[in-house]
Amino acid sequence: MPYPRHDQAAEYRRQAQEIRTKVQKLSIDEAREQLLGTAARLETLAEEEERKEQANNSTPRPQPDA
């Protein structure tokens, strides 16, 4: 259901204030630590994928009969 223009403006202001309140609670250090943790998990996943690929490439393949 669409808001009348005045009510929509009030809703936008309410949402803007809600965001401001959340931003005040954020910590740059906390966000940095979360991002570094995510990067570390991605590096671990990349290393696991590389190990799997190396294992697949080092598996002896049967030679076709000549």
N, C-alpha and C. Protein backbone atom coordinates (compact mmCIF):
# COMPACT_ATOMS: atom_id res chain seq x y z
N MET A 1 0.86 -1.18 0.00
CA MET A 1 0.00 0.00 0.00
C MET A 1 0.90 1.24 0.00
N PRO A 2 0.76 2.11 -1.00
CA PRO A 2 1.62 3.29 -1.06
C PRO A 2 1.27 4.29 0.04
N TYR A 3 2.30 4.96 0.53
CA TYR A 3 2.12 5.99 1.55
C TYR A 3 1.73 7.30 0.87
N PRO A 4 0.90 8.12 1.55
CA PRO A 4 0.75 9.50 1.06
C PRO A 4 2.11 10.18 1.13
N ARG A 5 2.35 11.19 0.32
CA ARG A 5 3.66 11.84 0.24
C ARG A 5 4.20 12.24 1.61
N HIS A 6 3.38 12.83 2.45
CA HIS A 6 3.84 13.26 3.77
C HIS A 6 4.27 12.06 4.61
N ASP A 7 3.48 10.98 4.58
CA ASP A 7 3.81 9.79 5.36
C ASP A 7 5.07 9.11 4.81
N GLN A 8 5.26 9.13 3.49
CA GLN A 8 6.45 8.53 2.90
C GLN A 8 7.70 9.29 3.35
N ALA A 9 7.60 10.61 3.37
CA ALA A 9 8.73 11.42 3.84
C ALA A 9 9.04 11.08 5.29
N ALA A 10 8.02 10.91 6.11
CA ALA A 10 8.23 10.55 7.51
C ALA A 10 8.87 9.17 7.62
N GLU A 11 8.46 8.26 6.76
CA GLU A 11 9.05 6.91 6.76
C GLU A 11 10.52 6.97 6.36
N TYR A 12 10.86 7.76 5.35
CA TYR A 12 12.25 7.92 4.96
C TYR A 12 13.07 8.50 6.11
N ARG A 13 12.51 9.48 6.80
CA ARG A 13 13.23 10.08 7.94
C ARG A 13 13.39 9.08 9.07
N ARG A 14 12.37 8.27 9.31
CA ARG A 14 12.46 7.25 10.35
C ARG A 14 13.57 6.25 10.02
N GLN A 15 13.60 5.81 8.75
CA GLN A 15 14.63 4.87 8.34
C GLN A 15 16.02 5.50 8.41
N ALA A 16 16.14 6.75 8.03
CA ALA A 16 17.43 7.46 8.10
C ALA A 16 17.90 7.52 9.55
N GLN A 17 17.01 7.81 10.48
CA GLN A 17 17.38 7.87 11.89
C GLN A 17 17.77 6.49 12.41
N GLU A 18 17.06 5.47 11.97
CA GLU A 18 17.38 4.11 12.38
C GLU A 18 18.80 3.74 11.93
N ILE A 19 19.15 4.13 10.71
CA ILE A 19 20.50 3.87 10.20
C ILE A 19 21.53 4.65 11.02
N ARG A 20 21.25 5.91 11.31
CA ARG A 20 22.19 6.70 12.11
C ARG A 20 22.44 6.05 13.47
N THR A 21 21.38 5.55 14.07
CA THR A 21 21.50 4.89 15.38
C THR A 21 22.38 3.66 15.27
N LYS A 22 22.18 2.86 14.21
CA LYS A 22 23.00 1.67 14.02
C LYS A 22 24.46 2.03 13.76
N VAL A 23 24.69 3.06 12.98
CA VAL A 23 26.06 3.47 12.66
C VAL A 23 26.82 3.87 13.92
N GLN A 24 26.14 4.53 14.84
CA GLN A 24 26.80 4.95 16.08
C GLN A 24 27.30 3.75 16.88
N LYS A 25 26.66 2.60 16.70
CA LYS A 25 27.04 1.40 17.44
C LYS A 25 28.15 0.61 16.75
N LEU A 26 28.41 0.93 15.49
CA LEU A 26 29.44 0.20 14.76
C LEU A 26 30.83 0.60 15.23
N SER A 27 31.70 -0.37 15.18
CA SER A 27 33.11 -0.12 15.51
C SER A 27 33.93 -0.41 14.27
N ILE A 28 34.78 0.54 13.90
CA ILE A 28 35.66 0.33 12.75
C ILE A 28 36.55 -0.88 13.01
N ASP A 29 37.06 -1.00 14.21
CA ASP A 29 37.92 -2.13 14.55
C ASP A 29 37.18 -3.45 14.41
N GLU A 30 35.94 -3.46 14.86
CA GLU A 30 35.13 -4.68 14.78
C GLU A 30 34.90 -5.05 13.32
N ALA A 31 34.55 -4.07 12.50
CA ALA A 31 34.32 -4.33 11.08
C ALA A 31 35.61 -4.82 10.42
N ARG A 32 36.74 -4.21 10.77
CA ARG A 32 38.04 -4.61 10.22
C ARG A 32 38.33 -6.07 10.58
N GLU A 33 38.11 -6.43 11.84
CA GLU A 33 38.36 -7.80 12.28
C GLU A 33 37.46 -8.79 11.55
N GLN A 34 36.21 -8.42 11.34
CA GLN A 34 35.30 -9.31 10.62
C GLN A 34 35.76 -9.50 9.17
N LEU A 35 36.17 -8.43 8.54
CA LEU A 35 36.64 -8.53 7.15
C LEU A 35 37.93 -9.34 7.06
N LEU A 36 38.84 -9.12 8.00
CA LEU A 36 40.08 -9.90 8.00
C LEU A 36 39.79 -11.39 8.23
N GLY A 37 38.83 -11.67 9.09
CA GLY A 37 38.44 -13.06 9.32
C GLY A 37 37.85 -13.69 8.08
N THR A 38 37.04 -12.95 7.37
CA THR A 38 36.46 -13.45 6.12
C THR A 38 37.55 -13.69 5.09
N ALA A 39 38.49 -12.76 4.98
CA ALA A 39 39.60 -12.92 4.04
C ALA A 39 40.41 -14.17 4.39
N ALA A 40 40.66 -14.39 5.65
CA ALA A 40 41.42 -15.57 6.08
C ALA A 40 40.68 -16.85 5.73
N ARG A 41 39.35 -16.88 5.94
CA ARG A 41 38.57 -18.06 5.59
C ARG A 41 38.61 -18.31 4.09
N LEU A 42 38.56 -17.25 3.29
CA LEU A 42 38.63 -17.40 1.84
C LEU A 42 40.00 -17.93 1.41
N GLU A 43 41.06 -17.46 2.04
CA GLU A 43 42.40 -17.97 1.73
C GLU A 43 42.49 -19.46 2.06
N THR A 44 41.91 -19.86 3.19
CA THR A 44 41.90 -21.27 3.58
C THR A 44 41.15 -22.10 2.55
N LEU A 45 40.01 -21.62 2.11
CA LEU A 45 39.24 -22.33 1.09
C LEU A 45 40.02 -22.43 -0.22
N ALA A 46 40.72 -21.37 -0.60
CA ALA A 46 41.52 -21.38 -1.81
C ALA A 46 42.63 -22.43 -1.70
N GLU A 47 43.29 -22.49 -0.55
CA GLU A 47 44.36 -23.47 -0.34
C GLU A 47 43.81 -24.90 -0.41
N GLU A 48 42.63 -25.12 0.17
CA GLU A 48 42.01 -26.44 0.11
C GLU A 48 41.71 -26.83 -1.33
N GLU A 49 41.21 -25.89 -2.11
CA GLU A 49 40.92 -26.17 -3.52
C GLU A 49 42.19 -26.50 -4.29
N GLU A 50 43.27 -25.78 -4.02
CA GLU A 50 44.55 -26.06 -4.69
C GLU A 50 45.07 -27.44 -4.32
N ARG A 51 44.93 -27.82 -3.04
CA ARG A 51 45.37 -29.16 -2.62
C ARG A 51 44.54 -30.24 -3.32
N LYS A 52 43.24 -30.02 -3.44
CA LYS A 52 42.38 -30.99 -4.13
C LYS A 52 42.81 -31.13 -5.58
N GLU A 53 43.07 -30.00 -6.24
CA GLU A 53 43.48 -30.04 -7.63
C GLU A 53 44.82 -30.75 -7.79
N GLN A 54 45.76 -30.48 -6.90
CA GLN A 54 47.06 -31.14 -6.97
C GLN A 54 46.90 -32.65 -6.77
N ALA A 55 46.04 -33.03 -5.84
CA ALA A 55 45.80 -34.45 -5.58
C ALA A 55 45.18 -35.11 -6.81
N ASN A 56 44.25 -34.42 -7.46
CA ASN A 56 43.62 -34.98 -8.66
C ASN A 56 44.62 -35.10 -9.80
N ASN A 57 45.53 -34.15 -9.90
CA ASN A 57 46.51 -34.18 -10.98
C ASN A 57 47.62 -35.19 -10.73
N SER A 58 47.86 -35.54 -9.48
CA SER A 58 48.94 -36.48 -9.18
C SER A 58 48.46 -37.92 -9.14
N THR A 59 47.15 -38.14 -9.25
CA THR A 59 46.62 -39.50 -9.25
C THR A 59 46.99 -40.16 -10.57
N PRO A 60 47.63 -41.33 -10.50
CA PRO A 60 47.98 -42.00 -11.75
C PRO A 60 46.73 -42.36 -12.53
N ARG A 61 46.76 -42.08 -13.80
CA ARG A 61 45.63 -42.40 -14.67
C ARG A 61 45.96 -43.69 -15.42
N PRO A 62 44.97 -44.54 -15.61
CA PRO A 62 45.25 -45.77 -16.35
C PRO A 62 45.66 -45.44 -17.77
N GLN A 63 46.67 -46.17 -18.26
CA GLN A 63 47.16 -45.97 -19.62
C GLN A 63 46.29 -46.80 -20.56
N PRO A 64 45.92 -46.22 -21.69
CA PRO A 64 45.14 -47.00 -22.66
C PRO A 64 46.00 -48.12 -23.25
N ASP A 65 45.36 -49.23 -23.55
CA ASP A 65 46.07 -50.35 -24.18
C ASP A 65 46.53 -49.95 -25.56
N ALA A 66 47.79 -50.26 -25.88
CA ALA A 66 48.34 -49.87 -27.19
C ALA A 66 48.20 -50.97 -28.21
